[in-house]
Each structure stands twice: as structure tokens, then as C-alpha cells.
Protein backbone atom coordinates (compact mmCIF):
# COMPACT_ATOMS: atom_id res chain seq x y z
CA MET A 1 0.00 0.00 0.00
CA ALA A 2 0.90 3.67 -0.40
CA ILE A 3 -1.12 6.87 -0.72
CA TYR A 4 -2.03 8.59 -4.00
CA LEU A 5 0.81 6.90 -5.97
CA ASN A 6 1.80 3.23 -6.32
CA SER A 7 3.29 0.66 -8.66
CA ASP A 8 0.13 0.66 -10.78
CA SER A 9 0.40 4.40 -11.51
CA LYS A 10 0.87 5.33 -15.17
CA ILE A 11 2.48 8.74 -15.52
CA ILE A 12 2.51 11.29 -18.32
CA VAL A 13 4.74 14.36 -18.24
CA GLN A 14 3.42 17.73 -19.36
CA GLY A 15 6.46 19.50 -20.78
CA MET A 16 8.46 16.27 -21.13
CA THR A 17 10.42 17.54 -24.14
CA GLY A 18 11.73 20.63 -22.31
CA ALA A 19 15.07 20.63 -20.52
CA GLU A 20 13.69 20.16 -17.00
CA GLY A 21 10.94 17.81 -18.12
CA MET A 22 13.39 15.58 -19.96
CA LYS A 23 15.94 15.55 -17.15
CA HIS A 24 13.41 14.51 -14.55
CA THR A 25 11.63 12.08 -16.87
CA GLN A 26 14.97 10.28 -17.14
CA ARG A 27 15.36 10.29 -13.36
CA MET A 28 11.82 9.09 -12.72
CA LEU A 29 12.26 6.25 -15.21
CA ALA A 30 15.62 5.30 -13.71
CA GLY A 31 13.89 5.16 -10.32
CA GLY A 32 11.27 2.71 -11.56
CA SER A 33 8.35 4.98 -12.39
CA ASN A 34 6.06 3.87 -15.22
CA ILE A 35 6.23 6.87 -17.56
CA VAL A 36 3.96 6.20 -20.54
CA GLY A 37 4.21 9.43 -22.55
CA GLY A 38 4.53 13.19 -22.66
CA VAL A 39 2.50 16.22 -23.67
CA ASN A 40 3.63 19.06 -25.92
CA PRO A 41 1.16 20.42 -28.52
CA ARG A 42 4.01 21.58 -30.76
CA LYS A 43 5.58 18.12 -30.88
CA ALA A 44 2.48 15.93 -30.95
CA GLY A 45 3.04 12.72 -32.88
CA GLU A 46 6.76 12.56 -32.21
CA THR A 47 8.48 9.83 -30.21
CA VAL A 48 11.26 10.51 -27.72
CA SER A 49 13.76 7.89 -26.59
CA VAL A 50 14.38 8.10 -22.84
CA GLU A 51 16.26 5.55 -20.73
CA GLY A 52 15.86 2.96 -23.47
CA ARG A 53 12.12 3.52 -23.85
CA ASP A 54 10.35 5.15 -26.79
CA LEU A 55 7.81 7.54 -25.31
CA PRO A 56 5.07 9.05 -27.48
CA VAL A 57 4.33 12.78 -27.33
CA PHE A 58 0.70 13.85 -27.41
CA GLY A 59 -1.03 17.13 -28.12
CA SER A 60 -3.05 17.20 -24.90
CA VAL A 61 -3.43 15.47 -21.55
CA LYS A 62 -6.81 14.09 -22.63
CA GLU A 63 -5.28 12.50 -25.74
CA ALA A 64 -2.39 11.07 -23.72
CA MET A 65 -4.71 9.54 -21.15
CA ALA A 66 -6.97 8.03 -23.82
CA ALA A 67 -4.04 6.45 -25.63
CA THR A 68 -2.00 5.22 -22.67
CA GLY A 69 -4.38 4.75 -19.77
CA ALA A 70 -2.37 7.24 -17.73
CA ASN A 71 -3.78 8.22 -14.35
CA VAL A 72 -1.09 10.67 -13.18
CA SER A 73 0.25 13.83 -14.80
CA VAL A 74 3.43 15.59 -13.72
CA ILE A 75 3.75 19.21 -14.82
CA PHE A 76 7.15 20.58 -15.87
CA VAL A 77 6.42 23.84 -17.67
CA PRO A 78 7.64 27.44 -17.12
CA PRO A 79 5.66 29.32 -14.44
CA ALA A 80 3.90 31.53 -16.99
CA PHE A 81 2.30 28.46 -18.59
CA ALA A 82 1.62 26.50 -15.42
CA LYS A 83 -1.96 27.73 -14.91
CA ALA A 84 -2.93 26.60 -18.41
CA ALA A 85 -1.19 23.25 -17.86
CA MET A 86 -3.01 22.67 -14.57
CA ILE A 87 -6.37 23.58 -16.13
CA GLU A 88 -5.68 21.23 -19.03
CA ALA A 89 -4.97 18.43 -16.56
CA ILE A 90 -8.10 19.24 -14.55
CA ASP A 91 -10.22 19.09 -17.71
CA ALA A 92 -8.79 15.63 -18.50
CA GLU A 93 -9.58 14.44 -14.94
CA PRO A 94 -6.62 12.24 -14.00
CA PRO A 95 -6.90 11.21 -10.33
CA LEU A 96 -3.57 12.92 -9.61
CA ALA A 97 -1.71 15.92 -11.06
CA VAL A 98 1.63 17.04 -9.64
CA ALA A 99 2.65 20.65 -10.31
CA ILE A 100 6.39 21.06 -9.82
CA PRO A 101 7.18 24.64 -11.02
CA GLU A 102 8.31 27.35 -8.65
CA GLY A 103 7.41 30.98 -9.23
CA ILE A 104 3.76 30.54 -10.21
CA THR A 105 1.82 33.64 -9.16
CA VAL A 106 -0.66 33.31 -6.32
CA HIS A 107 -3.37 34.53 -8.70
CA ASP A 108 -2.63 31.73 -11.17
CA SER A 109 -2.52 29.06 -8.46
CA ALA A 110 -5.76 30.34 -6.92
CA SER A 111 -7.44 30.43 -10.34
CA ALA A 112 -6.43 26.86 -11.13
CA TRP A 113 -7.55 25.63 -7.72
CA ALA A 114 -10.89 27.45 -7.99
CA TYR A 115 -11.39 25.82 -11.38
CA ASN A 116 -10.67 22.40 -9.89
CA VAL A 117 -13.24 23.02 -7.14
CA GLU A 118 -15.78 24.17 -9.75
CA LYS A 119 -15.19 20.94 -11.70
CA GLY A 120 -15.83 18.84 -8.59
CA LYS A 121 -12.22 18.23 -7.45
CA LYS A 122 -11.97 15.04 -9.50
CA THR A 123 -8.21 15.60 -9.73
CA ARG A 124 -5.99 15.74 -6.66
CA ILE A 125 -3.38 18.43 -7.20
CA ILE A 126 -0.05 18.29 -5.37
CA GLY A 127 1.89 21.56 -5.41
CA PRO A 128 2.79 23.85 -7.00
CA ASN A 129 6.37 24.74 -6.01
CA CYS A 130 6.99 21.28 -4.65
CA PRO A 131 9.18 18.19 -5.13
CA GLY A 132 6.15 15.99 -5.77
CA ILE A 133 5.37 12.57 -4.35
CA ILE A 134 7.30 9.33 -4.06
CA SER A 135 6.25 5.89 -2.87
CA PRO A 136 9.70 4.28 -2.62
CA GLU A 137 10.33 1.17 -4.72
CA GLN A 138 6.92 1.72 -6.37
CA SER A 139 6.73 5.05 -8.18
CA ASN A 140 8.01 8.62 -8.17
CA ALA A 141 6.14 11.60 -9.62
CA GLY A 142 8.37 14.64 -9.30
CA ILE A 143 11.95 15.56 -8.51
CA THR A 144 12.61 13.66 -5.28
CA PRO A 145 15.73 11.48 -5.62
CA SER A 146 14.60 7.86 -5.86
CA ASN A 147 17.71 6.36 -4.28
CA ILE A 148 17.82 8.04 -0.87
CA THR A 149 15.47 5.69 0.92
CA GLY A 150 13.56 2.44 0.63
CA ARG A 151 10.07 1.24 1.36
CA GLY A 152 8.91 1.18 4.96
CA PRO A 153 6.27 2.14 7.53
CA ILE A 154 6.75 5.92 7.80
CA GLY A 155 4.54 8.48 6.06
CA LEU A 156 6.06 11.91 5.41
CA VAL A 157 4.34 15.18 4.52
CA SER A 158 6.43 18.30 4.17
CA LYS A 159 6.22 21.92 3.07
CA SER A 160 9.93 21.95 2.24
CA GLY A 161 11.58 20.04 -0.59
CA THR A 162 15.11 19.88 0.79
CA LEU A 163 13.90 18.94 4.27
CA THR A 164 11.84 16.17 2.66
CA TYR A 165 15.03 14.75 1.19
CA GLN A 166 16.95 15.13 4.45
CA MET A 167 14.28 13.36 6.51
CA MET A 168 14.08 10.53 4.01
CA TYR A 169 17.86 10.14 4.17
CA GLU A 170 17.98 10.32 7.97
CA LEU A 171 15.42 7.50 8.23
CA ARG A 172 16.54 5.53 5.17
CA ASP A 173 17.21 2.37 7.18
CA ILE A 174 13.54 2.28 8.24
CA GLY A 175 11.93 3.49 5.02
CA PHE A 176 8.75 5.21 3.90
CA SER A 177 5.34 4.24 2.58
CA THR A 178 4.95 7.58 0.78
CA ALA A 179 6.64 10.97 1.04
CA ILE A 180 4.79 14.06 -0.17
CA GLY A 181 6.24 17.51 -0.66
CA ILE A 182 3.14 19.70 -0.63
CA GLY A 183 4.92 23.00 -1.33
CA GLY A 184 5.08 26.18 0.71
CA ASP A 185 3.10 28.61 -1.43
CA PRO A 186 -0.02 30.31 -0.01
CA VAL A 187 -2.32 28.33 -2.34
CA ILE A 188 -1.61 24.61 -2.74
CA GLY A 189 -3.72 21.69 -3.85
CA THR A 190 -2.92 19.17 -1.12
CA THR A 191 -2.54 20.19 2.51
CA HIS A 192 -0.99 18.67 5.61
CA ILE A 193 -4.50 17.60 6.66
CA ASP A 194 -5.18 15.86 3.33
CA ALA A 195 -2.01 13.80 3.73
CA LEU A 196 -2.68 13.05 7.39
CA GLU A 197 -6.13 11.74 6.52
CA ALA A 198 -4.71 9.48 3.82
CA PHE A 199 -1.87 8.19 6.00
CA GLU A 200 -4.33 7.45 8.81
CA LYS A 201 -6.29 5.22 6.42
CA ASP A 202 -3.23 3.50 4.91
CA PRO A 203 -2.51 0.15 6.61
CA GLU A 204 1.18 0.21 5.63
CA THR A 205 1.82 3.57 7.31
CA LYS A 206 2.50 3.05 11.02
CA ALA A 207 3.78 6.51 11.98
CA ILE A 208 3.92 9.98 10.42
CA VAL A 209 6.51 12.75 10.16
CA LEU A 210 5.15 16.24 9.48
CA ILE A 211 7.47 19.04 8.39
CA GLY A 212 6.20 22.60 8.50
CA GLU A 213 7.66 26.06 8.35
CA ILE A 214 6.86 29.59 9.40
CA GLY A 215 3.94 31.39 7.84
CA GLY A 216 0.26 30.66 7.51
CA ASP A 217 -1.73 28.40 9.80
CA SER A 218 -1.48 25.02 8.05
CA GLU A 219 0.45 23.51 10.95
CA GLU A 220 -1.96 24.81 13.60
CA LYS A 221 -4.88 23.36 11.61
CA ALA A 222 -2.97 20.10 11.27
CA ALA A 223 -2.43 19.93 15.02
CA ASP A 224 -6.15 20.37 15.62
CA TYR A 225 -6.92 17.67 13.04
CA ILE A 226 -4.43 15.27 14.63
CA SER A 227 -6.06 15.70 18.04
CA LYS A 228 -9.46 14.71 16.62
CA HIS A 229 -8.79 12.23 13.83
CA VAL A 230 -5.28 10.70 13.87
CA THR A 231 -4.57 7.64 15.99
CA LYS A 232 -1.08 6.94 14.64
CA PRO A 233 1.98 8.53 16.27
CA VAL A 234 3.12 11.80 14.69
CA VAL A 235 6.36 13.75 15.14
CA ALA A 236 6.98 17.18 13.67
CA TYR A 237 9.66 19.66 12.72
CA VAL A 238 9.03 23.37 12.10
CA ALA A 239 11.59 25.30 10.09
CA GLY A 240 12.20 28.98 10.73
CA PHE A 241 12.89 29.57 14.43
CA THR A 242 15.61 32.09 13.57
CA ALA A 243 13.68 33.93 10.85
CA PRO A 244 13.26 37.68 11.47
CA GLU A 245 9.67 38.80 11.97
CA GLY A 246 7.93 40.19 8.91
CA LYS A 247 10.51 38.93 6.42
CA THR A 248 9.71 36.46 3.67
CA MET A 249 12.10 33.51 3.84
CA GLY A 250 12.30 31.50 0.63
CA HIS A 251 8.83 30.09 0.05
CA ALA A 252 6.22 32.65 -0.86
CA GLY A 253 3.98 31.41 1.92
CA ALA A 254 6.57 31.75 4.67
CA ILE A 255 5.95 35.16 6.19
CA VAL A 256 5.38 35.91 9.85
CA SER A 257 2.78 38.36 11.14
CA GLY A 258 2.67 38.87 14.89
CA SER A 259 2.55 35.57 16.77
CA ALA A 260 0.44 33.81 14.13
CA GLY A 261 2.61 31.76 11.84
CA THR A 262 5.72 31.78 14.01
CA ALA A 263 7.72 28.62 14.52
CA GLN A 264 7.15 28.86 18.29
CA ALA A 265 3.36 29.13 17.90
CA LYS A 266 3.36 26.09 15.63
CA LYS A 267 5.57 24.10 17.99
CA GLU A 268 3.26 24.89 20.90
CA ALA A 269 0.19 23.88 18.87
CA PHE A 270 1.72 20.49 18.11
CA GLU A 271 2.96 19.85 21.63
CA ALA A 272 -0.45 20.77 23.04
CA VAL A 273 -1.94 17.76 21.22
CA GLY A 274 0.87 15.36 22.12
CA VAL A 275 2.99 15.66 18.98
CA LYS A 276 6.69 15.79 19.80
CA VAL A 277 8.62 18.47 17.91
CA GLY A 278 12.32 18.15 17.17
CA LYS A 279 14.65 21.13 17.43
CA THR A 280 16.46 20.00 14.30
CA PRO A 281 15.63 17.60 11.45
CA SER A 282 18.07 15.08 12.94
CA GLU A 283 16.44 15.28 16.35
CA THR A 284 13.04 14.84 14.71
CA ALA A 285 14.32 11.74 12.93
CA GLN A 286 15.56 10.39 16.26
CA LEU A 287 12.12 10.95 17.81
CA MET A 288 10.60 8.91 14.98
CA ARG A 289 13.26 6.23 15.39
CA GLU A 290 12.26 5.86 19.06
CA ILE A 291 8.59 5.58 18.15
CA ILE A 292 9.21 2.92 15.49
CA GLY A 293 11.31 0.99 18.00
CA LYS A 294 8.30 0.73 20.31
CA LEU A 295 5.76 -0.35 17.67
């Protein structure tokens, strides 16, 4: 088992023929993902050889899905075209679409998400500005390195891409069911709560690591959700304790206003519901290691 993505997933890549799309298509294939084609209206009908496989290029997501049976789309297009790419995916209704690009405007992300809601949310969107999702040894949709961990009982949901990779590496000897980088922008398709709900239902996932960062109230909402709906052990890490107040730090969503959104407020919210919070990623990994040892 895994959540959202597994060995049966058939993936198409929007923007596969671009530099970033091609690079990460190669990496996903090398990691065992079942990539079945790409989308580029200007190159429809062509075939691209990647990692020893001949992948067809289609003019639209809908055409690609009809021809290949794909049920996942990964989006690698420049930020200016990302809204159109997300809307195209939403119209085609794959169960999962992963938007990787950074630098998409909040207006574009909000417009795409509103369109998805209007269409009935038939497509789960992960991202944008995220590393995507990986179910180790099964499938990888995004830019997460496939070789830093193996399959195991830990579920991971994280706002930060690099901290996702670090946590996976720190706990590589135990392994993960699925790791999701949800992105740190103000408007994202999949939240901490969405992932927590899925991990709670997944029989393979025995414990959960949640990584947050300053800004917004996603972590506080997650803490409240955990107290009411999650029976599995959760540990957390919150990035940004040293960030100056009022200053944006990296992710567009990471800005502090008063006490709301501060790392300390988030830490206190988690601890109030029994979630242990590490001072560093390594300490957080050690907290999880202790929990797994007792299961």
C-alpha cells in the first residue's frame, strides 16, 4: 500500500520535451516509475527515446490519457504556462496531477484551484512549487531522488523540498510508505491535513513525520486535526525559528505576522496535542526512530 501513488500508476509528463521535463523524466524512469508518454502540442506525434524507452508525445493530456491509460500527470512547464497546464490536466480528470514549477503567481494558483473546485475536485493536485510525491520502490512523480530511501512504515508530509530529502535520508534504514512535498506557497492543492487523513487510512503507514515552516496556519490546523482524527503517532519539525519577523524567507507562503505563523506558535500547537517536535531535522528523525522501536 501507499497513498495517492503506487506501482500501478501510469504517468505522463506535461512538458516532457523541455530541458527540466526531460531531465526529470529520465530520473523518474531510472527510479522505476512507469512513464507512458509526454505532452507538448508543438511536438504531438513525435516519439522521444528516454532511458531505453520510446515515449510518445501527445497534443493534450486528454489525448495522452486516452491512448496510454495514464492516471497521473506531472507538470514541468515554465511558471507563466503552469496555470494553463493545470487547467488542461483538470479538464482531463486524472486522479492525480503534480505541479512542480516554482514561481507561479498566487493569482494563477488560486485560479487553477478554484477551477478544480468548480469541476468537482476530480483531480488531486499536489503543489505547486513542490518536489512531488514518491512511494519508494513503487513510483516517483516529481523531482525527489529515488535512491535516498527504501520502502517502509513511515509516512512523510512536508512543506519543504530539501527537508523532505533530508528526513528521508535520515530514516533511510527504516523506510517510507509515501513521502509528499506539498509545497510552501499560499495556495496549494494538497494540505498537511489531506495527507494526514490518507496516512491514517493507509494500513502500511504506522507513523507519520510532518514538516512545516513559518507562515500561515497550516500547521496549527494540522495539530487540531491530529487531536481529533489521527490515531497513529506523529512527530513534527518546524523550520524557521531564527527567521526575522515580517521577512519572507524562501517560500512565498513563509511570512510571519505577529505571533500567528511563528515557529514557536506552531511548535506549541503540536505539543499541546501530544505531537513531539524536534529542534532540528536530525532530532526529529531520532524521535521517529524511538517511536518505530516501540511499535
